[in-house]
Amino acid sequence: MFLLARLLTFRKENEMSYIIEKFTAGEVVTKDFVCGWEFAEGFDGGYEHRPLMADAMKELLEAGLVTEQHVAATKNAYSISVKKCMNAYRQAQAERTPEQIAEERMEARAAMGPGVDMVNMFTGEKFVS
């Protein structure tokens, strides 16, 4: 246990975390105090600035790379982004073709075995594999 703790301490003292490395490399983009990743094609097919999650923002704050204003703005934008993403997913699920549904059911049977009660936790759709 001591060795593991020492190794983790060594890493923290001598290496940057992934998010700090990406932030200092300029790969995390800040717009209106919202820190996030840029995608040419996001959930809706257009440009997207996807906000960082809370754990990443906590690391950046503790490292002195962002302010509380950045954390608050990013948290708010993240919540909006998740809602937008979930709405797009629900809409796409509602517009599936019979062929797409059949393929999803086949994948469920392959993964879970036949006869298993399944529930899509995002849409509430229930089916048997």
N, C-alpha and C. Protein backbone atom coordinates (compact mmCIF):
# COMPACT_ATOMS: atom_id res chain seq x y z
N MET A 1 0.83 -1.20 0.00
CA MET A 1 0.00 0.00 0.00
C MET A 1 0.87 1.26 0.00
N PHE A 2 1.93 1.22 0.80
CA PHE A 2 2.81 2.38 0.86
C PHE A 2 3.43 2.66 -0.52
N LEU A 3 3.86 1.58 -1.19
CA LEU A 3 4.48 1.74 -2.50
C LEU A 3 3.51 2.36 -3.50
N LEU A 4 2.25 1.91 -3.48
CA LEU A 4 1.25 2.47 -4.39
C LEU A 4 1.04 3.95 -4.10
N ALA A 5 0.94 4.31 -2.83
CA ALA A 5 0.76 5.71 -2.46
C ALA A 5 1.95 6.55 -2.91
N ARG A 6 3.15 6.00 -2.78
CA ARG A 6 4.36 6.70 -3.19
C ARG A 6 4.38 6.89 -4.71
N LEU A 7 3.98 5.86 -5.45
CA LEU A 7 3.95 5.97 -6.90
C LEU A 7 2.96 7.03 -7.36
N LEU A 8 1.79 7.06 -6.71
CA LEU A 8 0.79 8.07 -7.06
C LEU A 8 1.29 9.47 -6.73
N THR A 9 1.98 9.61 -5.60
CA THR A 9 2.55 10.90 -5.20
C THR A 9 3.60 11.33 -6.20
N PHE A 10 4.45 10.38 -6.63
CA PHE A 10 5.49 10.68 -7.62
C PHE A 10 4.86 11.20 -8.90
N ARG A 11 3.79 10.53 -9.35
CA ARG A 11 3.13 10.96 -10.58
C ARG A 11 2.60 12.37 -10.42
N LYS A 12 1.96 12.64 -9.30
CA LYS A 12 1.39 13.97 -9.09
C LYS A 12 2.47 15.05 -9.05
N GLU A 13 3.63 14.72 -8.49
CA GLU A 13 4.70 15.69 -8.37
C GLU A 13 5.43 15.92 -9.68
N ASN A 14 5.45 14.92 -10.56
CA ASN A 14 6.31 14.98 -11.73
C ASN A 14 5.60 14.93 -13.08
N GLU A 15 4.30 14.77 -13.10
CA GLU A 15 3.59 14.70 -14.36
C GLU A 15 2.32 15.56 -14.29
N MET A 16 1.98 16.10 -15.45
CA MET A 16 0.72 16.82 -15.54
C MET A 16 -0.40 15.83 -15.77
N SER A 17 -1.57 16.14 -15.25
CA SER A 17 -2.73 15.31 -15.55
C SER A 17 -3.12 15.55 -17.00
N TYR A 18 -3.96 14.68 -17.52
CA TYR A 18 -4.41 14.80 -18.91
C TYR A 18 -5.03 16.16 -19.17
N ILE A 19 -5.94 16.59 -18.29
CA ILE A 19 -6.67 17.84 -18.55
C ILE A 19 -5.74 19.05 -18.44
N ILE A 20 -4.81 19.02 -17.50
CA ILE A 20 -3.86 20.14 -17.38
C ILE A 20 -2.93 20.17 -18.59
N GLU A 21 -2.52 19.00 -19.04
CA GLU A 21 -1.67 18.92 -20.23
C GLU A 21 -2.40 19.50 -21.45
N LYS A 22 -3.66 19.11 -21.63
CA LYS A 22 -4.43 19.60 -22.78
C LYS A 22 -4.73 21.10 -22.65
N PHE A 23 -4.98 21.55 -21.43
CA PHE A 23 -5.25 22.97 -21.21
C PHE A 23 -4.02 23.80 -21.55
N THR A 24 -2.87 23.40 -21.01
CA THR A 24 -1.64 24.17 -21.25
C THR A 24 -1.18 24.08 -22.70
N ALA A 25 -1.59 23.02 -23.40
CA ALA A 25 -1.26 22.89 -24.83
C ALA A 25 -2.21 23.71 -25.71
N GLY A 26 -3.23 24.30 -25.10
CA GLY A 26 -4.17 25.12 -25.86
C GLY A 26 -5.30 24.33 -26.51
N GLU A 27 -5.45 23.07 -26.13
CA GLU A 27 -6.50 22.25 -26.73
C GLU A 27 -7.86 22.44 -26.06
N VAL A 28 -7.86 22.98 -24.85
CA VAL A 28 -9.12 23.35 -24.19
C VAL A 28 -9.40 24.80 -24.57
N VAL A 29 -10.57 25.03 -25.15
CA VAL A 29 -10.93 26.35 -25.65
C VAL A 29 -11.86 27.03 -24.65
N THR A 30 -11.59 28.29 -24.35
CA THR A 30 -12.42 29.06 -23.43
C THR A 30 -13.18 30.12 -24.21
N LYS A 31 -14.51 30.09 -24.07
CA LYS A 31 -15.39 31.07 -24.72
C LYS A 31 -16.37 31.58 -23.67
N ASP A 32 -16.36 32.88 -23.44
CA ASP A 32 -17.25 33.49 -22.44
C ASP A 32 -17.14 32.78 -21.09
N PHE A 33 -15.93 32.48 -20.68
CA PHE A 33 -15.59 31.83 -19.42
C PHE A 33 -15.97 30.35 -19.38
N VAL A 34 -16.44 29.79 -20.48
CA VAL A 34 -16.79 28.37 -20.55
C VAL A 34 -15.61 27.62 -21.17
N CYS A 35 -15.07 26.67 -20.41
CA CYS A 35 -13.94 25.86 -20.88
C CYS A 35 -14.48 24.58 -21.50
N GLY A 36 -13.98 24.23 -22.67
CA GLY A 36 -14.47 23.03 -23.31
C GLY A 36 -13.67 22.61 -24.52
N TRP A 37 -14.15 21.55 -25.15
CA TRP A 37 -13.55 21.00 -26.36
C TRP A 37 -14.30 21.53 -27.56
N GLU A 38 -13.59 21.74 -28.66
CA GLU A 38 -14.24 22.17 -29.89
C GLU A 38 -14.39 20.97 -30.83
N PHE A 39 -15.56 20.90 -31.44
CA PHE A 39 -15.85 19.87 -32.44
C PHE A 39 -16.42 20.54 -33.67
N ALA A 40 -15.84 20.24 -34.83
CA ALA A 40 -16.37 20.79 -36.08
C ALA A 40 -17.78 20.26 -36.32
N GLU A 41 -18.02 19.03 -35.86
CA GLU A 41 -19.34 18.42 -36.04
C GLU A 41 -19.79 17.84 -34.70
N GLY A 42 -20.74 18.50 -34.07
CA GLY A 42 -21.24 18.07 -32.78
C GLY A 42 -22.46 17.19 -32.89
N PHE A 43 -23.25 17.11 -31.82
CA PHE A 43 -24.42 16.25 -31.75
C PHE A 43 -25.44 16.55 -32.84
N ASP A 44 -25.57 17.81 -33.19
CA ASP A 44 -26.57 18.19 -34.19
C ASP A 44 -25.99 18.35 -35.59
N GLY A 45 -24.73 17.97 -35.75
CA GLY A 45 -24.08 18.05 -37.05
C GLY A 45 -23.34 19.35 -37.30
N GLY A 46 -23.56 20.36 -36.45
CA GLY A 46 -22.88 21.64 -36.60
C GLY A 46 -21.75 21.79 -35.61
N TYR A 47 -21.07 22.93 -35.65
CA TYR A 47 -19.98 23.23 -34.71
C TYR A 47 -20.49 23.10 -33.27
N GLU A 48 -19.62 22.60 -32.42
CA GLU A 48 -19.99 22.48 -31.00
C GLU A 48 -18.81 22.81 -30.11
N HIS A 49 -19.07 23.59 -29.07
CA HIS A 49 -18.11 23.84 -28.00
C HIS A 49 -18.64 23.08 -26.80
N ARG A 50 -18.08 21.89 -26.55
CA ARG A 50 -18.62 20.99 -25.51
C ARG A 50 -17.92 21.28 -24.18
N PRO A 51 -18.66 21.77 -23.19
CA PRO A 51 -18.07 22.14 -21.89
C PRO A 51 -17.46 20.95 -21.15
N LEU A 52 -16.42 21.26 -20.38
CA LEU A 52 -15.75 20.25 -19.57
C LEU A 52 -16.63 19.83 -18.39
N MET A 53 -16.36 18.66 -17.87
CA MET A 53 -17.07 18.14 -16.70
C MET A 53 -16.49 18.77 -15.42
N ALA A 54 -17.22 18.62 -14.33
CA ALA A 54 -16.85 19.26 -13.06
C ALA A 54 -15.50 18.80 -12.54
N ASP A 55 -15.17 17.51 -12.69
CA ASP A 55 -13.89 17.04 -12.16
C ASP A 55 -12.71 17.69 -12.87
N ALA A 56 -12.83 17.90 -14.17
CA ALA A 56 -11.77 18.57 -14.93
C ALA A 56 -11.65 20.03 -14.49
N MET A 57 -12.78 20.67 -14.30
CA MET A 57 -12.75 22.07 -13.87
C MET A 57 -12.15 22.21 -12.48
N LYS A 58 -12.43 21.25 -11.61
CA LYS A 58 -11.86 21.28 -10.25
C LYS A 58 -10.34 21.20 -10.33
N GLU A 59 -9.84 20.32 -11.18
CA GLU A 59 -8.39 20.20 -11.36
C GLU A 59 -7.78 21.49 -11.88
N LEU A 60 -8.42 22.09 -12.87
CA LEU A 60 -7.91 23.34 -13.44
C LEU A 60 -7.94 24.46 -12.42
N LEU A 61 -8.99 24.50 -11.60
CA LEU A 61 -9.09 25.52 -10.55
C LEU A 61 -7.99 25.33 -9.52
N GLU A 62 -7.81 24.09 -9.06
CA GLU A 62 -6.78 23.80 -8.06
C GLU A 62 -5.38 24.09 -8.58
N ALA A 63 -5.19 23.98 -9.90
CA ALA A 63 -3.88 24.26 -10.50
C ALA A 63 -3.69 25.75 -10.75
N GLY A 64 -4.74 26.55 -10.48
CA GLY A 64 -4.65 27.99 -10.68
C GLY A 64 -4.77 28.41 -12.13
N LEU A 65 -5.32 27.55 -12.97
CA LEU A 65 -5.42 27.85 -14.40
C LEU A 65 -6.74 28.51 -14.78
N VAL A 66 -7.75 28.40 -13.93
CA VAL A 66 -9.05 29.03 -14.16
C VAL A 66 -9.53 29.66 -12.86
N THR A 67 -10.59 30.45 -12.97
CA THR A 67 -11.17 31.10 -11.79
C THR A 67 -12.51 30.45 -11.44
N GLU A 68 -13.06 30.85 -10.32
CA GLU A 68 -14.39 30.39 -9.93
C GLU A 68 -15.43 30.78 -10.97
N GLN A 69 -15.21 31.93 -11.63
CA GLN A 69 -16.14 32.37 -12.68
C GLN A 69 -16.13 31.35 -13.84
N HIS A 70 -14.97 30.85 -14.19
CA HIS A 70 -14.86 29.82 -15.23
C HIS A 70 -15.61 28.56 -14.80
N VAL A 71 -15.41 28.16 -13.55
CA VAL A 71 -16.04 26.94 -13.04
C VAL A 71 -17.57 27.07 -13.09
N ALA A 72 -18.10 28.20 -12.62
CA ALA A 72 -19.55 28.40 -12.60
C ALA A 72 -20.13 28.46 -14.01
N ALA A 73 -19.47 29.20 -14.90
CA ALA A 73 -19.97 29.31 -16.27
C ALA A 73 -19.92 27.96 -16.98
N THR A 74 -18.86 27.21 -16.75
CA THR A 74 -18.73 25.90 -17.41
C THR A 74 -19.74 24.91 -16.86
N LYS A 75 -20.00 24.97 -15.56
CA LYS A 75 -21.01 24.08 -14.96
C LYS A 75 -22.38 24.34 -15.56
N ASN A 76 -22.74 25.59 -15.70
CA ASN A 76 -24.03 25.96 -16.28
C ASN A 76 -24.11 25.51 -17.74
N ALA A 77 -23.07 25.77 -18.51
CA ALA A 77 -23.05 25.40 -19.92
C ALA A 77 -23.07 23.88 -20.08
N TYR A 78 -22.40 23.16 -19.17
CA TYR A 78 -22.38 21.70 -19.24
C TYR A 78 -23.80 21.15 -19.06
N SER A 79 -24.53 21.69 -18.11
CA SER A 79 -25.90 21.26 -17.86
C SER A 79 -26.77 21.47 -19.10
N ILE A 80 -26.63 22.61 -19.73
CA ILE A 80 -27.38 22.90 -20.95
C ILE A 80 -26.97 21.94 -22.07
N SER A 81 -25.68 21.67 -22.19
CA SER A 81 -25.16 20.78 -23.22
C SER A 81 -25.70 19.36 -23.07
N VAL A 82 -25.74 18.87 -21.82
CA VAL A 82 -26.25 17.51 -21.58
C VAL A 82 -27.73 17.44 -21.95
N LYS A 83 -28.49 18.44 -21.59
CA LYS A 83 -29.92 18.45 -21.94
C LYS A 83 -30.10 18.45 -23.46
N LYS A 84 -29.30 19.25 -24.15
CA LYS A 84 -29.38 19.31 -25.61
C LYS A 84 -29.02 17.95 -26.22
N CYS A 85 -27.98 17.34 -25.71
CA CYS A 85 -27.55 16.03 -26.20
C CYS A 85 -28.63 14.98 -25.97
N MET A 86 -29.20 14.97 -24.79
CA MET A 86 -30.24 13.98 -24.47
C MET A 86 -31.49 14.19 -25.32
N ASN A 87 -31.84 15.43 -25.57
CA ASN A 87 -32.99 15.70 -26.44
C ASN A 87 -32.73 15.21 -27.86
N ALA A 88 -31.50 15.42 -28.35
CA ALA A 88 -31.15 14.94 -29.69
C ALA A 88 -31.19 13.41 -29.74
N TYR A 89 -30.73 12.76 -28.67
CA TYR A 89 -30.76 11.29 -28.61
C TYR A 89 -32.20 10.78 -28.60
N ARG A 90 -33.03 11.37 -27.76
CA ARG A 90 -34.44 10.95 -27.70
C ARG A 90 -35.13 11.13 -29.05
N GLN A 91 -34.85 12.23 -29.72
CA GLN A 91 -35.43 12.49 -31.03
C GLN A 91 -34.96 11.44 -32.03
N ALA A 92 -33.67 11.13 -32.02
CA ALA A 92 -33.13 10.12 -32.94
C ALA A 92 -33.73 8.75 -32.66
N GLN A 93 -33.94 8.43 -31.40
CA GLN A 93 -34.57 7.15 -31.04
C GLN A 93 -36.00 7.09 -31.57
N ALA A 94 -36.71 8.20 -31.47
CA ALA A 94 -38.10 8.24 -31.93
C ALA A 94 -38.20 8.12 -33.44
N GLU A 95 -37.16 8.48 -34.16
CA GLU A 95 -37.17 8.47 -35.62
C GLU A 95 -36.51 7.24 -36.24
N ARG A 96 -36.18 6.23 -35.42
CA ARG A 96 -35.54 5.02 -35.96
C ARG A 96 -36.46 4.30 -36.93
N THR A 97 -35.85 3.68 -37.92
CA THR A 97 -36.60 2.86 -38.87
C THR A 97 -36.81 1.48 -38.25
N PRO A 98 -37.76 0.70 -38.77
CA PRO A 98 -37.93 -0.67 -38.28
C PRO A 98 -36.64 -1.49 -38.41
N GLU A 99 -35.87 -1.24 -39.45
CA GLU A 99 -34.60 -1.95 -39.63
C GLU A 99 -33.59 -1.60 -38.54
N GLN A 100 -33.55 -0.32 -38.17
CA GLN A 100 -32.63 0.10 -37.10
C GLN A 100 -33.04 -0.52 -35.77
N ILE A 101 -34.32 -0.55 -35.50
CA ILE A 101 -34.81 -1.16 -34.25
C ILE A 101 -34.47 -2.64 -34.23
N ALA A 102 -34.69 -3.33 -35.35
CA ALA A 102 -34.37 -4.76 -35.43
C ALA A 102 -32.88 -5.00 -35.18
N GLU A 103 -32.04 -4.15 -35.73
CA GLU A 103 -30.60 -4.31 -35.52
C GLU A 103 -30.22 -4.10 -34.05
N GLU A 104 -30.83 -3.10 -33.42
CA GLU A 104 -30.57 -2.86 -32.00
C GLU A 104 -31.01 -4.04 -31.14
N ARG A 105 -32.15 -4.62 -31.48
CA ARG A 105 -32.64 -5.79 -30.73
C ARG A 105 -31.69 -6.98 -30.91
N MET A 106 -31.18 -7.16 -32.14
CA MET A 106 -30.23 -8.23 -32.41
C MET A 106 -28.96 -8.03 -31.58
N GLU A 107 -28.49 -6.80 -31.50
CA GLU A 107 -27.30 -6.50 -30.70
C GLU A 107 -27.56 -6.77 -29.21
N ALA A 108 -28.75 -6.44 -28.75
CA ALA A 108 -29.11 -6.69 -27.35
C ALA A 108 -29.13 -8.19 -27.06
N ARG A 109 -29.71 -8.97 -27.99
CA ARG A 109 -29.73 -10.43 -27.80
C ARG A 109 -28.31 -11.00 -27.78
N ALA A 110 -27.46 -10.49 -28.67
CA ALA A 110 -26.07 -10.96 -28.73
C ALA A 110 -25.32 -10.62 -27.44
N ALA A 111 -25.59 -9.46 -26.88
CA ALA A 111 -24.89 -9.02 -25.67
C ALA A 111 -25.45 -9.63 -24.40
N MET A 112 -26.78 -9.74 -24.30
CA MET A 112 -27.41 -10.14 -23.05
C MET A 112 -28.00 -11.54 -23.07
N GLY A 113 -28.16 -12.10 -24.27
CA GLY A 113 -28.84 -13.38 -24.41
C GLY A 113 -30.32 -13.13 -24.67
N PRO A 114 -31.02 -14.14 -25.17
CA PRO A 114 -32.44 -13.96 -25.48
C PRO A 114 -33.30 -13.97 -24.21
N GLY A 115 -34.42 -13.25 -24.28
CA GLY A 115 -35.41 -13.28 -23.21
C GLY A 115 -35.13 -12.40 -22.02
N VAL A 116 -34.23 -11.45 -22.15
CA VAL A 116 -33.90 -10.57 -21.03
C VAL A 116 -34.71 -9.28 -21.14
N ASP A 117 -35.37 -8.90 -20.05
CA ASP A 117 -36.12 -7.64 -20.02
C ASP A 117 -35.13 -6.48 -20.06
N MET A 118 -35.33 -5.58 -21.01
CA MET A 118 -34.41 -4.45 -21.20
C MET A 118 -35.20 -3.15 -21.10
N VAL A 119 -34.55 -2.10 -20.62
CA VAL A 119 -35.14 -0.78 -20.54
C VAL A 119 -34.09 0.24 -20.98
N ASN A 120 -34.44 1.09 -21.92
CA ASN A 120 -33.58 2.19 -22.29
C ASN A 120 -33.75 3.25 -21.20
N MET A 121 -32.72 3.46 -20.42
CA MET A 121 -32.84 4.35 -19.26
C MET A 121 -33.03 5.82 -19.64
N PHE A 122 -32.79 6.17 -20.89
CA PHE A 122 -32.96 7.56 -21.31
C PHE A 122 -34.34 7.83 -21.89
N THR A 123 -34.94 6.82 -22.54
CA THR A 123 -36.23 7.03 -23.16
C THR A 123 -37.37 6.30 -22.43
N GLY A 124 -37.03 5.31 -21.60
CA GLY A 124 -38.03 4.52 -20.92
C GLY A 124 -38.57 3.37 -21.75
N GLU A 125 -38.10 3.26 -22.99
CA GLU A 125 -38.55 2.18 -23.88
C GLU A 125 -38.19 0.81 -23.27
N LYS A 126 -39.17 -0.09 -23.26
CA LYS A 126 -38.95 -1.43 -22.71
C LYS A 126 -39.11 -2.45 -23.83
N PHE A 127 -38.27 -3.49 -23.79
CA PHE A 127 -38.36 -4.57 -24.77
C PHE A 127 -37.69 -5.83 -24.19
N VAL A 128 -37.89 -6.93 -24.81
CA VAL A 128 -37.26 -8.19 -24.42
C VAL A 128 -36.26 -8.56 -25.48
N SER A 129 -35.03 -8.87 -25.04
CA SER A 129 -33.98 -9.20 -26.00
C SER A 129 -34.24 -10.50 -26.71
